[in-house]
Amino acid sequence: MILEVQHETSLEYTTPVSEWITELRMEPVSCQTQSCHSFHLLVSQPASPFRYLDGFGNRVHHFNILATHQKVRILAASIVETNPQGVDVMSSQATFPIDLENAGLEVLDFLGFRDPVSKTPLLEPLREALAPRPGQRLGPWLYTVGEFIRSNFEYARSYTNSSSPIDDILTHGKGVCQDFAHLMLALLRSFDVPARYVSGYIHRPNQESQSHAWCEAWVPDLGWVGFDPTNGCPANETFVMVATGRDFTDVPPNKGIFRGQGQETISVRVATRQLDRLPSLSWFERLPPLDIPLEKISTFRNKAAFDEQVEQQQQQ
């Protein structure tokens, strides 16, 4: 599947600001399940983005704006070719307890707990209900965990916020995809299954596109396998991966700070389109306008615009 992704962010201030600095994680990765053929970053203010890979291999664009301004518009546009997940987790022969003897540090790093994926007594009833038996196959168990979360928790806004630990979704029984992913990470890690957070987009034909979050589990004989607890399904060709980390705080799409006394408002819109073929190299010069309105997602006063992705997901 060939997808065009447009992710537009508008930041407005009530009074002029200066010394504006940010880093973006909006460029999709190229990996076994997808290829990013083209990426273009457009910034309304003069800027010279510096591109680098962070410690998790995510593509980051870092830049600052020194000129005084009251509005910044950022458009990240990409062409991504996705493929069905190459391996079926049900084919795994791995059983409990998981053999981590040959797992490297790049895998073991995804076993730890910290906020928002924290160790909490509220997790114990779920652990008791989902505890695997010795010798039980890992693949079917992952489906059981994902479906348990999907069927026992409600997708709802306004019950969690950008800094919510998993205690909040466990208390209210409600949350958004970020919370569903964090909860699955906590459950998998509590049984010594390495798991990492994935941020990206989900293309939904004839429906509103959106940014999304899911998780990947490390299966000894298969490697990293994606699963979406929000929808209770494996990640497939409609998922576009942008970044991976231990939790959301490793992969915010927009993280920055500015100097000023005014109030900041962030508005975001996302659109995906399926294409019949790969476009020409100059496709970005003829980008059609997004057909959805900018949506106000958060307002800050004199602080960093740190959690754009989570706030956007709260509104969705």
Protein backbone atom coordinates (compact mmCIF):
# COMPACT_ATOMS: atom_id res chain seq x y z
CA MET A 1 0.00 0.00 0.00
CA ILE A 2 1.39 3.41 -1.00
CA LEU A 3 0.34 6.20 1.34
CA GLU A 4 0.79 9.95 1.32
CA VAL A 5 0.86 11.37 4.84
CA GLN A 6 0.45 15.04 5.73
CA HIS A 7 0.92 16.18 9.32
CA GLU A 8 0.44 19.90 9.84
CA THR A 9 1.14 21.72 13.10
CA SER A 10 0.37 25.38 13.76
CA LEU A 11 1.70 27.17 16.84
CA GLU A 12 0.32 30.64 17.62
CA TYR A 13 1.22 33.10 20.38
CA THR A 14 -0.71 36.00 21.86
CA THR A 15 2.47 38.12 22.06
CA PRO A 16 5.73 37.92 20.10
CA VAL A 17 8.15 35.19 21.19
CA SER A 18 11.84 34.62 20.51
CA GLU A 19 14.53 31.98 20.92
CA TRP A 20 12.15 29.26 19.71
CA ILE A 21 13.71 25.81 19.54
CA THR A 22 12.21 22.42 18.76
CA GLU A 23 12.88 18.85 17.68
CA LEU A 24 10.48 16.88 15.54
CA ARG A 25 9.93 13.15 15.17
CA MET A 26 7.66 13.12 12.13
CA GLU A 27 9.71 11.32 9.46
CA PRO A 28 8.58 7.69 9.05
CA VAL A 29 11.24 5.00 9.38
CA SER A 30 12.23 2.44 6.78
CA CYS A 31 12.16 -1.08 8.15
CA GLN A 32 10.98 -4.59 7.37
CA THR A 33 7.33 -3.59 7.10
CA GLN A 34 7.59 -0.21 5.33
CA SER A 35 9.77 2.02 3.18
CA CYS A 36 9.77 5.80 3.42
CA HIS A 37 10.39 6.84 -0.20
CA SER A 38 10.26 10.59 0.37
CA PHE A 39 9.96 13.10 3.21
CA HIS A 40 9.68 16.88 3.10
CA LEU A 41 9.57 19.32 5.98
CA LEU A 42 8.20 22.82 5.36
CA VAL A 43 8.53 25.54 8.03
CA SER A 44 6.85 28.92 7.66
CA GLN A 45 9.68 30.79 9.42
CA PRO A 46 13.31 30.82 8.23
CA ALA A 47 14.97 27.73 9.70
CA SER A 48 17.78 25.28 8.94
CA PRO A 49 16.76 21.87 10.26
CA PHE A 50 19.52 19.50 11.34
CA ARG A 51 18.65 15.82 10.86
CA TYR A 52 20.03 13.05 13.05
CA LEU A 53 19.18 9.64 14.51
CA ASP A 54 18.42 9.40 18.21
CA GLY A 55 19.46 6.51 20.45
CA PHE A 56 16.48 4.42 19.32
CA GLY A 57 17.17 4.93 15.63
CA ASN A 58 14.36 7.47 15.14
CA ARG A 59 14.77 10.25 12.59
CA VAL A 60 14.83 13.63 14.32
CA HIS A 61 14.80 17.15 12.87
CA HIS A 62 16.17 19.83 15.18
CA PHE A 63 16.07 23.57 14.50
CA ASN A 64 15.62 26.96 16.10
CA ILE A 65 14.02 30.25 15.09
CA LEU A 66 15.73 33.37 16.37
CA ALA A 67 13.54 35.95 14.64
CA THR A 68 10.69 37.34 16.73
CA HIS A 69 7.39 35.84 15.60
CA GLN A 70 3.84 35.02 16.67
CA LYS A 71 3.07 32.02 14.47
CA VAL A 72 4.90 28.96 13.16
CA ARG A 73 3.44 26.49 10.70
CA ILE A 74 5.10 23.12 10.19
CA LEU A 75 4.09 20.67 7.47
CA ALA A 76 5.63 17.20 7.43
CA ALA A 77 4.74 15.31 4.25
CA SER A 78 5.88 11.82 3.33
CA ILE A 79 5.36 8.98 0.88
CA VAL A 80 5.44 5.58 2.57
CA GLU A 81 5.02 2.15 1.05
CA THR A 82 3.75 -0.33 3.60
CA ASN A 83 3.60 -4.10 3.47
CA PRO A 84 1.63 -6.71 5.38
CA GLN A 85 3.49 -7.74 8.51
CA GLY A 86 6.11 -10.17 7.29
CA VAL A 87 5.75 -12.67 10.11
CA ASP A 88 2.74 -14.16 11.84
CA VAL A 89 3.18 -14.11 15.60
CA MET A 90 1.01 -17.22 15.80
CA SER A 91 3.80 -19.12 14.04
CA SER A 92 6.22 -18.50 16.90
CA GLN A 93 7.35 -21.54 18.83
CA ALA A 94 8.51 -19.46 21.81
CA THR A 95 7.05 -20.46 25.16
CA PHE A 96 7.08 -19.19 28.73
CA PRO A 97 9.33 -18.40 30.44
CA ILE A 98 10.88 -16.30 27.64
CA ASP A 99 14.48 -17.11 26.80
CA LEU A 100 16.40 -13.83 26.92
CA GLU A 101 19.87 -15.37 26.93
CA ASN A 102 20.65 -14.20 23.40
CA ALA A 103 18.81 -10.88 23.65
CA GLY A 104 21.07 -7.85 23.33
CA LEU A 105 20.96 -4.60 25.26
CA GLU A 106 18.80 -3.09 22.51
CA VAL A 107 16.12 -5.60 23.57
CA LEU A 108 16.66 -5.73 27.33
CA ASP A 109 16.28 -1.95 27.51
CA PHE A 110 12.56 -2.47 26.90
CA LEU A 111 11.96 -4.47 30.07
CA GLY A 112 12.20 -1.59 32.56
CA PHE A 113 9.48 0.37 34.31
CA ARG A 114 9.18 4.12 34.78
CA ASP A 115 6.35 6.65 34.52
CA PRO A 116 4.04 6.46 32.67
CA VAL A 117 4.63 2.69 32.35
CA SER A 118 4.96 2.16 36.07
CA LYS A 119 4.68 -0.70 38.51
CA THR A 120 1.41 -0.19 40.34
CA PRO A 121 -0.73 -2.39 42.62
CA LEU A 122 -3.67 -1.61 40.32
CA LEU A 123 -2.07 -3.87 37.70
CA GLU A 124 -2.22 -6.98 39.87
CA PRO A 125 -5.81 -8.09 39.03
CA LEU A 126 -4.92 -8.02 35.33
CA ARG A 127 -1.71 -9.91 35.93
CA GLU A 128 -3.64 -12.61 37.79
CA ALA A 129 -6.19 -12.90 34.99
CA LEU A 130 -3.56 -13.04 32.23
CA ALA A 131 -0.69 -14.92 33.90
CA PRO A 132 0.82 -17.37 31.37
CA ARG A 133 1.40 -20.99 32.30
CA PRO A 134 4.89 -22.51 32.03
CA GLY A 135 5.21 -23.87 28.52
CA GLN A 136 2.37 -21.73 27.14
CA ARG A 137 3.06 -20.37 23.65
CA LEU A 138 3.86 -16.68 23.47
CA GLY A 139 2.04 -15.90 20.19
CA PRO A 140 -1.52 -16.78 21.24
CA TRP A 141 -0.91 -15.19 24.63
CA LEU A 142 -0.08 -11.83 22.99
CA TYR A 143 -3.44 -11.94 21.21
CA THR A 144 -5.12 -12.71 24.53
CA VAL A 145 -3.53 -9.71 26.23
CA GLY A 146 -4.36 -7.31 23.38
CA GLU A 147 -7.96 -8.48 23.12
CA PHE A 148 -8.37 -8.32 26.90
CA ILE A 149 -7.38 -4.65 26.90
CA ARG A 150 -9.59 -3.81 23.91
CA SER A 151 -12.67 -5.48 25.37
CA ASN A 152 -12.28 -4.39 28.99
CA PHE A 153 -11.33 -0.73 28.53
CA GLU A 154 -13.26 2.00 26.76
CA TYR A 155 -11.73 4.37 24.23
CA ALA A 156 -12.75 7.78 25.58
CA ARG A 157 -11.33 11.27 25.81
CA SER A 158 -10.99 13.54 28.83
CA TYR A 159 -10.25 10.80 31.36
CA THR A 160 -6.48 10.93 30.96
CA ASN A 161 -4.00 13.64 30.05
CA SER A 162 -0.57 13.99 28.54
CA SER A 163 1.27 12.91 31.70
CA SER A 164 -1.08 10.13 32.84
CA PRO A 165 0.50 7.00 34.30
CA ILE A 166 -1.28 3.71 33.70
CA ASP A 167 -2.97 4.19 37.09
CA ASP A 168 -5.42 6.56 35.39
CA ILE A 169 -6.71 4.13 32.75
CA LEU A 170 -6.82 1.38 35.38
CA THR A 171 -8.85 3.61 37.70
CA HIS A 172 -11.31 4.99 35.14
CA GLY A 173 -11.40 2.04 32.76
CA LYS A 174 -11.11 4.58 29.95
CA GLY A 175 -8.40 6.24 27.91
CA VAL A 176 -6.98 6.81 24.45
CA CYS A 177 -4.58 4.81 22.28
CA GLN A 178 -1.54 6.11 24.16
CA ASP A 179 -2.98 4.71 27.40
CA PHE A 180 -3.92 1.39 25.78
CA ALA A 181 -0.37 1.03 24.47
CA HIS A 182 1.20 1.93 27.82
CA LEU A 183 -1.02 -0.59 29.60
CA MET A 184 -0.04 -3.39 27.22
CA LEU A 185 3.63 -2.48 27.66
CA ALA A 186 3.27 -2.77 31.43
CA LEU A 187 1.58 -6.16 31.21
CA LEU A 188 4.11 -7.61 28.79
CA ARG A 189 7.11 -6.32 30.73
CA SER A 190 5.67 -7.61 34.02
CA PHE A 191 6.02 -11.13 32.56
CA ASP A 192 9.54 -10.42 31.21
CA VAL A 193 8.44 -9.91 27.61
CA PRO A 194 10.40 -6.98 26.10
CA ALA A 195 7.99 -4.45 24.61
CA ARG A 196 8.35 -1.01 23.05
CA TYR A 197 6.07 1.94 22.31
CA VAL A 198 5.36 2.86 18.68
CA SER A 199 4.09 6.22 17.45
CA GLY A 200 2.82 6.82 13.95
CA TYR A 201 -0.35 7.00 11.90
CA ILE A 202 -3.20 4.74 10.95
CA HIS A 203 -4.84 5.00 7.54
CA ARG A 204 -8.57 4.32 7.64
CA PRO A 205 -10.18 4.28 4.18
CA ASN A 206 -13.23 6.55 3.95
CA GLN A 207 -12.70 7.64 7.54
CA GLU A 208 -10.74 10.35 9.31
CA SER A 209 -7.02 9.59 9.47
CA GLN A 210 -5.21 10.10 12.73
CA SER A 211 -1.99 9.82 14.60
CA HIS A 212 -1.86 6.59 16.54
CA ALA A 213 0.08 4.58 19.11
CA TRP A 214 0.55 0.86 19.50
CA CYS A 215 3.25 -1.48 20.80
CA GLU A 216 5.71 -4.09 19.62
CA ALA A 217 6.66 -7.24 21.50
CA TRP A 218 10.00 -8.98 21.11
CA VAL A 219 9.47 -12.63 20.21
CA PRO A 220 12.70 -14.70 20.45
CA ASP A 221 12.30 -16.56 17.15
CA LEU A 222 10.65 -13.74 15.18
CA GLY A 223 11.98 -10.41 16.45
CA TRP A 224 9.77 -7.35 16.95
CA VAL A 225 6.08 -7.92 16.21
CA GLY A 226 3.51 -5.10 16.26
CA PHE A 227 0.13 -5.30 18.02
CA ASP A 228 -2.52 -2.61 18.49
CA PRO A 229 -4.47 -3.05 21.75
CA THR A 230 -6.82 -0.17 20.87
CA ASN A 231 -8.26 -2.17 17.97
CA GLY A 232 -7.27 -5.62 19.22
CA CYS A 233 -5.33 -6.55 16.09
CA PRO A 234 -1.77 -6.95 14.80
CA ALA A 235 -0.22 -3.95 13.08
CA ASN A 236 -0.78 -4.28 9.33
CA GLU A 237 -0.25 -2.33 6.09
CA THR A 238 -2.55 0.50 7.24
CA PHE A 239 -0.10 1.40 10.05
CA VAL A 240 2.73 3.85 9.38
CA MET A 241 5.53 3.71 11.94
CA VAL A 242 7.33 6.95 12.77
CA ALA A 243 9.27 6.29 15.99
CA THR A 244 9.82 3.73 18.74
CA GLY A 245 10.84 4.13 22.36
CA ARG A 246 10.31 2.91 25.90
CA ASP A 247 7.13 5.00 26.16
CA PHE A 248 5.64 8.18 24.75
CA THR A 249 8.17 10.47 26.44
CA ASP A 250 10.89 9.04 24.15
CA VAL A 251 8.99 9.81 20.93
CA PRO A 252 6.97 13.07 21.08
CA PRO A 253 6.48 14.38 17.53
CA ASN A 254 7.02 17.97 18.67
CA LYS A 255 9.18 18.81 21.67
CA GLY A 256 10.45 22.31 22.26
CA ILE A 257 10.65 25.50 24.26
CA PHE A 258 10.36 29.22 23.61
CA ARG A 259 11.14 32.52 25.33
CA GLY A 260 8.14 34.79 25.79
CA GLN A 261 5.27 35.83 28.04
CA GLY A 262 2.37 35.09 25.72
CA GLN A 263 -0.04 32.20 25.57
CA GLU A 264 0.63 29.40 23.11
CA THR A 265 -2.02 27.50 21.17
CA ILE A 266 -1.23 24.37 19.18
CA SER A 267 -3.47 23.13 16.38
CA VAL A 268 -2.91 19.97 14.38
CA ARG A 269 -4.39 18.10 11.44
CA VAL A 270 -3.42 14.80 9.90
CA ALA A 271 -4.46 13.31 6.57
CA THR A 272 -3.48 10.14 4.74
CA ARG A 273 -4.29 9.19 1.16
CA GLN A 274 -3.75 5.93 -0.66
CA LEU A 275 -2.01 6.34 -4.02
CA ASP A 276 -2.13 4.06 -7.05
CA ARG A 277 1.62 4.38 -7.68
CA LEU A 278 4.70 6.16 -6.44
CA PRO A 279 4.55 9.85 -7.44
CA SER A 280 7.24 11.86 -9.20
CA LEU A 281 10.16 13.27 -7.26
CA SER A 282 8.52 16.71 -7.27
CA TRP A 283 5.23 15.47 -5.81
CA PHE A 284 5.53 17.71 -2.74
CA GLU A 285 5.42 20.82 -4.91
CA ARG A 286 1.85 19.93 -5.88
CA LEU A 287 0.49 18.83 -2.53
CA PRO A 288 -3.28 19.25 -2.46
CA PRO A 289 -4.61 21.18 0.53
CA LEU A 290 -5.72 19.18 3.52
CA ASP A 291 -9.48 18.82 3.46
CA ILE A 292 -9.96 18.91 7.22
CA PRO A 293 -9.83 21.97 9.49
CA LEU A 294 -7.05 22.65 11.93
CA GLU A 295 -8.12 21.42 15.33
CA LYS A 296 -7.07 23.24 18.49
CA ILE A 297 -5.50 20.63 20.72
CA SER A 298 -3.78 22.44 23.57
CA THR A 299 -3.00 25.81 25.07
CA PHE A 300 0.06 26.56 27.20
CA ARG A 301 1.27 29.64 29.01
CA ASN A 302 5.00 30.31 28.80
CA LYS A 303 6.09 26.64 28.69
CA ALA A 304 7.32 24.02 26.26
CA ALA A 305 5.00 22.48 23.70
CA PHE A 306 6.05 19.06 24.93
CA ASP A 307 3.14 16.70 24.45
CA GLU A 308 1.57 17.48 21.09
CA GLN A 309 0.95 13.86 20.16
CA VAL A 310 -0.79 12.94 23.41
CA GLU A 311 -2.95 16.04 23.41
CA GLN A 312 -3.96 15.35 19.82
CA GLN A 313 -4.91 11.81 20.73
CA GLN A 314 -6.98 13.11 23.66
CA GLN A 315 -9.00 15.21 21.22
CA GLN A 316 -9.48 12.25 18.89
